[in-house]
């Protein structure tokens, strides 16, 4: 697997196994495998560092949207050590309620820094 292929896979797994995982123990295991220990995560709510802080941030998102699930919206892409993936929060019948994009830097096969961009909820007033 090329480095860029490995980064694409990291990005896909991040959406499904971290943000898409409601079982906290399984999510913690995924975070430990996908992220560097000193990872920095930045989104609209601010910046956090480390595995525990990322797990807490994901838990808040999943608790806020109990009826929605994360799905990869377009195939992940990579250039050099940078990965990108777009995702959706979907209803049980597959209707997208929100979209976003994650960008991440990767070193030694793990995410070292990630930025999340959230598009407004679909159907919300612009």
N, C-alpha and C. Protein backbone atom coordinates (compact mmCIF):
# COMPACT_ATOMS: atom_id res chain seq x y z
N UNK A 1 0.86 -1.18 0.00
CA UNK A 1 0.00 0.00 0.00
C UNK A 1 0.90 1.24 0.00
N UNK A 2 0.64 2.17 -0.89
CA UNK A 2 1.41 3.40 -0.93
C UNK A 2 1.10 4.25 0.29
N UNK A 3 1.95 5.22 0.57
CA UNK A 3 1.69 6.13 1.68
C UNK A 3 0.37 6.85 1.49
N UNK A 4 0.10 7.31 0.27
CA UNK A 4 -1.15 8.01 0.02
C UNK A 4 -2.35 7.08 0.16
N UNK A 5 -2.21 5.84 -0.25
CA UNK A 5 -3.30 4.87 -0.06
C UNK A 5 -3.54 4.64 1.43
N UNK A 6 -2.47 4.56 2.20
CA UNK A 6 -2.61 4.37 3.65
C UNK A 6 -3.29 5.59 4.29
N UNK A 7 -2.97 6.78 3.82
CA UNK A 7 -3.61 7.99 4.35
C UNK A 7 -5.09 8.00 3.99
N UNK A 8 -5.43 7.63 2.78
CA UNK A 8 -6.85 7.56 2.40
C UNK A 8 -7.60 6.59 3.31
N UNK A 9 -6.98 5.46 3.61
CA UNK A 9 -7.61 4.48 4.49
C UNK A 9 -7.76 5.02 5.91
N UNK A 10 -6.76 5.74 6.41
CA UNK A 10 -6.87 6.38 7.73
C UNK A 10 -8.06 7.34 7.77
N UNK A 11 -8.23 8.12 6.73
CA UNK A 11 -9.31 9.09 6.69
C UNK A 11 -10.67 8.40 6.68
N UNK A 12 -10.79 7.33 5.90
CA UNK A 12 -12.03 6.56 5.85
C UNK A 12 -12.33 5.95 7.22
N UNK A 13 -11.34 5.33 7.80
CA UNK A 13 -11.52 4.69 9.11
C UNK A 13 -11.86 5.71 10.19
N UNK A 14 -11.30 6.91 10.11
CA UNK A 14 -11.60 7.93 11.09
C UNK A 14 -13.09 8.27 11.11
N UNK A 15 -13.68 8.41 9.92
CA UNK A 15 -15.11 8.71 9.84
C UNK A 15 -15.93 7.57 10.43
N UNK A 16 -15.63 6.35 10.02
CA UNK A 16 -16.46 5.21 10.40
C UNK A 16 -16.17 4.65 11.79
N UNK A 17 -14.89 4.55 12.15
CA UNK A 17 -14.51 3.88 13.39
C UNK A 17 -14.35 4.82 14.58
N UNK A 18 -14.18 6.11 14.32
CA UNK A 18 -14.08 7.07 15.41
C UNK A 18 -15.39 7.85 15.51
N UNK A 19 -15.67 8.68 14.53
CA UNK A 19 -16.88 9.51 14.59
C UNK A 19 -18.16 8.69 14.40
N UNK A 20 -18.07 7.58 13.73
CA UNK A 20 -19.23 6.75 13.51
C UNK A 20 -19.43 5.66 14.56
N UNK A 21 -18.59 5.61 15.57
CA UNK A 21 -18.64 4.53 16.54
C UNK A 21 -19.26 5.00 17.86
N UNK A 22 -20.41 4.45 18.19
CA UNK A 22 -21.08 4.81 19.43
C UNK A 22 -20.59 4.01 20.64
N UNK A 23 -20.01 2.85 20.40
CA UNK A 23 -19.44 2.06 21.49
C UNK A 23 -18.12 2.70 21.92
N UNK A 24 -18.10 3.23 23.13
CA UNK A 24 -16.95 4.03 23.56
C UNK A 24 -15.66 3.22 23.62
N UNK A 25 -15.72 1.98 24.07
CA UNK A 25 -14.51 1.16 24.14
C UNK A 25 -13.93 0.90 22.74
N UNK A 26 -14.79 0.58 21.80
CA UNK A 26 -14.34 0.36 20.42
C UNK A 26 -13.78 1.65 19.83
N UNK A 27 -14.43 2.78 20.13
CA UNK A 27 -13.96 4.06 19.62
C UNK A 27 -12.59 4.40 20.21
N UNK A 28 -12.42 4.17 21.51
CA UNK A 28 -11.12 4.44 22.15
C UNK A 28 -10.01 3.61 21.52
N UNK A 29 -10.32 2.36 21.20
CA UNK A 29 -9.32 1.51 20.56
C UNK A 29 -8.96 2.05 19.17
N UNK A 30 -9.96 2.51 18.44
CA UNK A 30 -9.70 3.09 17.11
C UNK A 30 -8.87 4.36 17.23
N UNK A 31 -9.20 5.21 18.19
CA UNK A 31 -8.44 6.45 18.39
C UNK A 31 -6.98 6.12 18.68
N UNK A 32 -6.74 5.14 19.54
CA UNK A 32 -5.36 4.76 19.89
C UNK A 32 -4.59 4.28 18.67
N UNK A 33 -5.27 3.61 17.74
CA UNK A 33 -4.60 3.10 16.56
C UNK A 33 -4.43 4.09 15.43
N UNK A 34 -5.36 5.05 15.34
CA UNK A 34 -5.37 5.97 14.21
C UNK A 34 -4.66 7.30 14.47
N UNK A 35 -4.60 7.71 15.73
CA UNK A 35 -4.07 9.03 16.08
C UNK A 35 -2.76 8.94 16.86
N UNK A 36 -1.86 9.88 16.61
CA UNK A 36 -0.66 10.02 17.43
C UNK A 36 -1.10 10.45 18.84
N UNK A 37 -0.35 10.10 19.88
CA UNK A 37 -0.75 10.44 21.25
C UNK A 37 -0.95 11.95 21.47
N UNK A 38 -0.16 12.77 20.80
CA UNK A 38 -0.25 14.22 21.00
C UNK A 38 -1.03 14.91 19.87
N UNK A 39 -1.93 14.18 19.23
CA UNK A 39 -2.72 14.72 18.13
C UNK A 39 -3.44 16.00 18.56
N UNK A 40 -3.55 16.91 17.62
CA UNK A 40 -4.31 18.15 17.86
C UNK A 40 -5.50 18.15 16.91
N UNK A 41 -6.69 18.40 17.46
CA UNK A 41 -7.95 18.39 16.71
C UNK A 41 -8.56 19.77 16.81
N UNK A 42 -8.92 20.35 15.65
CA UNK A 42 -9.47 21.70 15.60
C UNK A 42 -10.80 21.66 14.86
N UNK A 43 -11.85 22.25 15.47
CA UNK A 43 -13.14 22.41 14.80
C UNK A 43 -13.76 23.72 15.28
N UNK A 44 -15.03 23.94 14.95
CA UNK A 44 -15.70 25.18 15.32
C UNK A 44 -15.74 25.43 16.83
N UNK A 45 -15.68 24.35 17.60
CA UNK A 45 -15.73 24.48 19.05
C UNK A 45 -14.38 24.81 19.67
N UNK A 46 -13.30 24.77 18.89
CA UNK A 46 -11.99 25.10 19.41
C UNK A 46 -10.97 24.04 19.06
N UNK A 47 -9.97 23.92 19.90
CA UNK A 47 -8.86 23.02 19.66
C UNK A 47 -8.64 22.16 20.90
N UNK A 48 -8.41 20.87 20.68
CA UNK A 48 -8.11 19.96 21.79
C UNK A 48 -6.90 19.13 21.41
N UNK A 49 -6.24 18.58 22.41
CA UNK A 49 -5.05 17.77 22.18
C UNK A 49 -5.16 16.45 22.93
N UNK A 50 -4.82 15.38 22.25
CA UNK A 50 -4.73 14.06 22.87
C UNK A 50 -5.95 13.18 22.67
N UNK A 51 -5.74 11.92 22.93
CA UNK A 51 -6.77 10.90 22.73
C UNK A 51 -8.02 11.14 23.57
N UNK A 52 -7.84 11.43 24.85
CA UNK A 52 -9.00 11.62 25.72
C UNK A 52 -9.87 12.78 25.24
N UNK A 53 -9.22 13.87 24.85
CA UNK A 53 -9.97 15.05 24.41
C UNK A 53 -10.73 14.77 23.11
N UNK A 54 -10.13 14.01 22.21
CA UNK A 54 -10.83 13.68 20.97
C UNK A 54 -12.02 12.77 21.27
N UNK A 55 -11.83 11.79 22.13
CA UNK A 55 -12.93 10.91 22.50
C UNK A 55 -14.08 11.71 23.11
N UNK A 56 -13.75 12.65 23.99
CA UNK A 56 -14.80 13.49 24.60
C UNK A 56 -15.52 14.33 23.55
N UNK A 57 -14.79 14.88 22.59
CA UNK A 57 -15.40 15.70 21.53
C UNK A 57 -16.34 14.85 20.68
N UNK A 58 -15.92 13.65 20.33
CA UNK A 58 -16.76 12.77 19.53
C UNK A 58 -18.01 12.38 20.33
N UNK A 59 -17.84 12.08 21.59
CA UNK A 59 -18.99 11.70 22.44
C UNK A 59 -20.03 12.82 22.47
N UNK A 60 -19.57 14.06 22.55
CA UNK A 60 -20.50 15.19 22.55
C UNK A 60 -21.28 15.27 21.24
N UNK A 61 -20.60 15.05 20.13
CA UNK A 61 -21.28 15.08 18.82
C UNK A 61 -22.31 13.96 18.74
N UNK A 62 -21.91 12.76 19.09
CA UNK A 62 -22.82 11.62 18.98
C UNK A 62 -24.00 11.74 19.93
N UNK A 63 -23.78 12.31 21.10
CA UNK A 63 -24.87 12.53 22.05
C UNK A 63 -25.83 13.59 21.53
N UNK A 64 -25.31 14.58 20.84
CA UNK A 64 -26.15 15.65 20.30
C UNK A 64 -27.02 15.19 19.14
N UNK A 65 -26.60 14.14 18.45
CA UNK A 65 -27.33 13.65 17.28
C UNK A 65 -27.56 12.14 17.39
N UNK A 66 -28.37 11.72 18.37
CA UNK A 66 -28.52 10.27 18.61
C UNK A 66 -29.18 9.50 17.48
N UNK A 67 -29.95 10.15 16.64
CA UNK A 67 -30.64 9.46 15.55
C UNK A 67 -29.87 9.49 14.23
N UNK A 68 -28.70 10.12 14.22
CA UNK A 68 -27.93 10.26 12.98
C UNK A 68 -26.66 9.42 13.04
N UNK A 69 -26.16 9.05 11.87
CA UNK A 69 -24.91 8.30 11.81
C UNK A 69 -23.99 8.91 10.75
N UNK A 70 -22.71 8.76 10.97
CA UNK A 70 -21.71 9.27 10.03
C UNK A 70 -21.51 8.30 8.87
N UNK A 71 -21.31 8.85 7.68
CA UNK A 71 -21.01 8.08 6.48
C UNK A 71 -20.01 8.86 5.64
N UNK A 72 -19.13 8.15 4.97
CA UNK A 72 -18.20 8.77 4.03
C UNK A 72 -19.01 9.22 2.82
N UNK A 73 -18.90 10.49 2.45
CA UNK A 73 -19.69 11.04 1.34
C UNK A 73 -18.99 10.92 -0.01
N UNK A 74 -17.68 11.11 -0.02
CA UNK A 74 -16.90 10.96 -1.25
C UNK A 74 -15.62 10.21 -0.89
N UNK A 75 -15.01 9.53 -1.84
CA UNK A 75 -13.80 8.79 -1.52
C UNK A 75 -12.72 9.72 -0.95
N UNK A 76 -12.02 9.27 0.09
CA UNK A 76 -10.92 10.07 0.65
C UNK A 76 -9.84 10.30 -0.39
N UNK A 77 -9.09 11.38 -0.21
CA UNK A 77 -7.96 11.66 -1.09
C UNK A 77 -6.75 12.03 -0.25
N UNK A 78 -5.58 11.97 -0.88
CA UNK A 78 -4.34 12.28 -0.18
C UNK A 78 -3.34 12.88 -1.15
N UNK A 79 -2.55 13.81 -0.62
CA UNK A 79 -1.43 14.40 -1.35
C UNK A 79 -0.30 14.54 -0.34
N UNK A 80 0.82 13.89 -0.62
CA UNK A 80 1.93 13.94 0.32
C UNK A 80 1.50 13.37 1.66
N UNK A 81 1.65 14.16 2.73
CA UNK A 81 1.27 13.70 4.07
C UNK A 81 -0.08 14.26 4.53
N UNK A 82 -0.87 14.76 3.58
CA UNK A 82 -2.16 15.39 3.89
C UNK A 82 -3.30 14.52 3.36
N UNK A 83 -4.30 14.28 4.23
CA UNK A 83 -5.47 13.52 3.83
C UNK A 83 -6.72 14.38 3.91
N UNK A 84 -7.73 14.01 3.09
CA UNK A 84 -8.99 14.75 3.07
C UNK A 84 -10.12 13.75 2.87
N UNK A 85 -11.24 13.99 3.57
CA UNK A 85 -12.43 13.19 3.37
C UNK A 85 -13.65 14.05 3.64
N UNK A 86 -14.69 13.88 2.83
CA UNK A 86 -15.96 14.53 3.11
C UNK A 86 -16.90 13.47 3.67
N UNK A 87 -17.75 13.91 4.58
CA UNK A 87 -18.65 13.00 5.27
C UNK A 87 -20.02 13.63 5.41
N UNK A 88 -20.97 12.81 5.78
CA UNK A 88 -22.34 13.27 6.03
C UNK A 88 -22.84 12.66 7.33
N UNK A 89 -23.70 13.40 8.00
CA UNK A 89 -24.50 12.86 9.10
C UNK A 89 -25.84 12.51 8.48
N UNK A 90 -26.22 11.23 8.56
CA UNK A 90 -27.41 10.76 7.86
C UNK A 90 -28.45 10.18 8.81
N UNK A 91 -29.70 10.27 8.37
CA UNK A 91 -30.80 9.63 9.08
C UNK A 91 -30.75 8.13 8.78
N UNK A 92 -31.58 7.35 9.47
CA UNK A 92 -31.61 5.90 9.27
C UNK A 92 -31.99 5.54 7.83
N UNK A 93 -32.76 6.39 7.16
CA UNK A 93 -33.13 6.10 5.78
C UNK A 93 -32.17 6.73 4.76
N UNK A 94 -31.01 7.23 5.24
CA UNK A 94 -29.97 7.71 4.34
C UNK A 94 -30.02 9.17 3.94
N UNK A 95 -30.94 9.94 4.52
CA UNK A 95 -31.04 11.36 4.20
C UNK A 95 -29.94 12.14 4.92
N UNK A 96 -29.15 12.89 4.15
CA UNK A 96 -28.07 13.69 4.73
C UNK A 96 -28.66 14.90 5.44
N UNK A 97 -28.31 15.08 6.71
CA UNK A 97 -28.77 16.23 7.50
C UNK A 97 -27.65 17.26 7.70
N UNK A 98 -26.41 16.85 7.55
CA UNK A 98 -25.26 17.75 7.65
C UNK A 98 -24.11 17.15 6.85
N UNK A 99 -23.23 18.02 6.39
CA UNK A 99 -22.04 17.59 5.66
C UNK A 99 -20.83 18.31 6.22
N UNK A 100 -19.70 17.69 6.03
CA UNK A 100 -18.47 18.32 6.47
C UNK A 100 -17.27 17.70 5.78
N UNK A 101 -16.11 18.22 6.14
CA UNK A 101 -14.87 17.74 5.57
C UNK A 101 -13.80 17.73 6.65
N UNK A 102 -13.01 16.69 6.65
CA UNK A 102 -11.86 16.59 7.55
C UNK A 102 -10.59 16.67 6.72
N UNK A 103 -9.63 17.44 7.21
CA UNK A 103 -8.28 17.49 6.66
C UNK A 103 -7.34 17.04 7.76
N UNK A 104 -6.32 16.26 7.42
CA UNK A 104 -5.41 15.77 8.45
C UNK A 104 -4.00 15.65 7.91
N UNK A 105 -3.04 15.88 8.78
CA UNK A 105 -1.66 15.55 8.48
C UNK A 105 -1.37 14.21 9.13
N UNK A 106 -0.50 13.44 8.46
CA UNK A 106 -0.19 12.10 8.91
C UNK A 106 1.32 11.94 8.96
N UNK A 107 1.81 11.31 10.02
CA UNK A 107 3.22 10.95 10.14
C UNK A 107 3.30 9.58 10.80
N UNK A 108 4.21 8.77 10.32
CA UNK A 108 4.41 7.43 10.86
C UNK A 108 3.11 6.63 10.93
N UNK A 109 2.25 6.82 9.93
CA UNK A 109 1.03 6.04 9.82
C UNK A 109 -0.11 6.44 10.75
N UNK A 110 0.01 7.61 11.40
CA UNK A 110 -1.03 8.06 12.32
C UNK A 110 -1.35 9.54 12.10
N UNK A 111 -2.58 9.89 12.40
CA UNK A 111 -3.02 11.28 12.26
C UNK A 111 -2.37 12.11 13.36
N UNK A 112 -1.70 13.20 12.96
CA UNK A 112 -1.02 14.06 13.93
C UNK A 112 -1.77 15.35 14.20
N UNK A 113 -2.55 15.78 13.21
CA UNK A 113 -3.34 16.99 13.36
C UNK A 113 -4.54 16.89 12.43
N UNK A 114 -5.71 17.30 12.93
CA UNK A 114 -6.91 17.21 12.10
C UNK A 114 -7.76 18.46 12.28
N UNK A 115 -8.30 18.92 11.15
CA UNK A 115 -9.22 20.05 11.11
C UNK A 115 -10.55 19.56 10.57
N UNK A 116 -11.64 19.92 11.21
CA UNK A 116 -12.97 19.54 10.75
C UNK A 116 -13.74 20.79 10.37
N UNK A 117 -14.29 20.78 9.17
CA UNK A 117 -15.14 21.86 8.67
C UNK A 117 -16.55 21.32 8.59
N UNK A 118 -17.49 22.03 9.18
CA UNK A 118 -18.89 21.63 9.18
C UNK A 118 -19.70 22.57 8.32
N UNK A 119 -20.43 22.02 7.35
CA UNK A 119 -21.36 22.81 6.56
C UNK A 119 -22.64 22.97 7.34
N UNK A 120 -23.41 24.01 7.09
CA UNK A 120 -24.68 24.20 7.82
C UNK A 120 -25.61 23.00 7.62
N UNK A 121 -26.47 22.79 8.61
CA UNK A 121 -27.47 21.73 8.48
C UNK A 121 -28.26 21.94 7.22
N UNK A 122 -28.50 20.87 6.49
CA UNK A 122 -29.26 20.95 5.25
C UNK A 122 -30.67 21.39 5.53
N UNK A 123 -31.17 22.30 4.73
CA UNK A 123 -32.53 22.80 4.92
C UNK A 123 -32.62 23.95 5.91
N UNK A 124 -31.50 24.26 6.59
CA UNK A 124 -31.51 25.36 7.54
C UNK A 124 -31.42 26.69 6.77
N UNK A 125 -31.93 27.74 7.36
CA UNK A 125 -31.86 29.07 6.74
C UNK A 125 -30.41 29.47 6.58
N UNK A 126 -30.06 30.00 5.44
CA UNK A 126 -28.67 30.40 5.16
C UNK A 126 -28.39 31.79 5.64
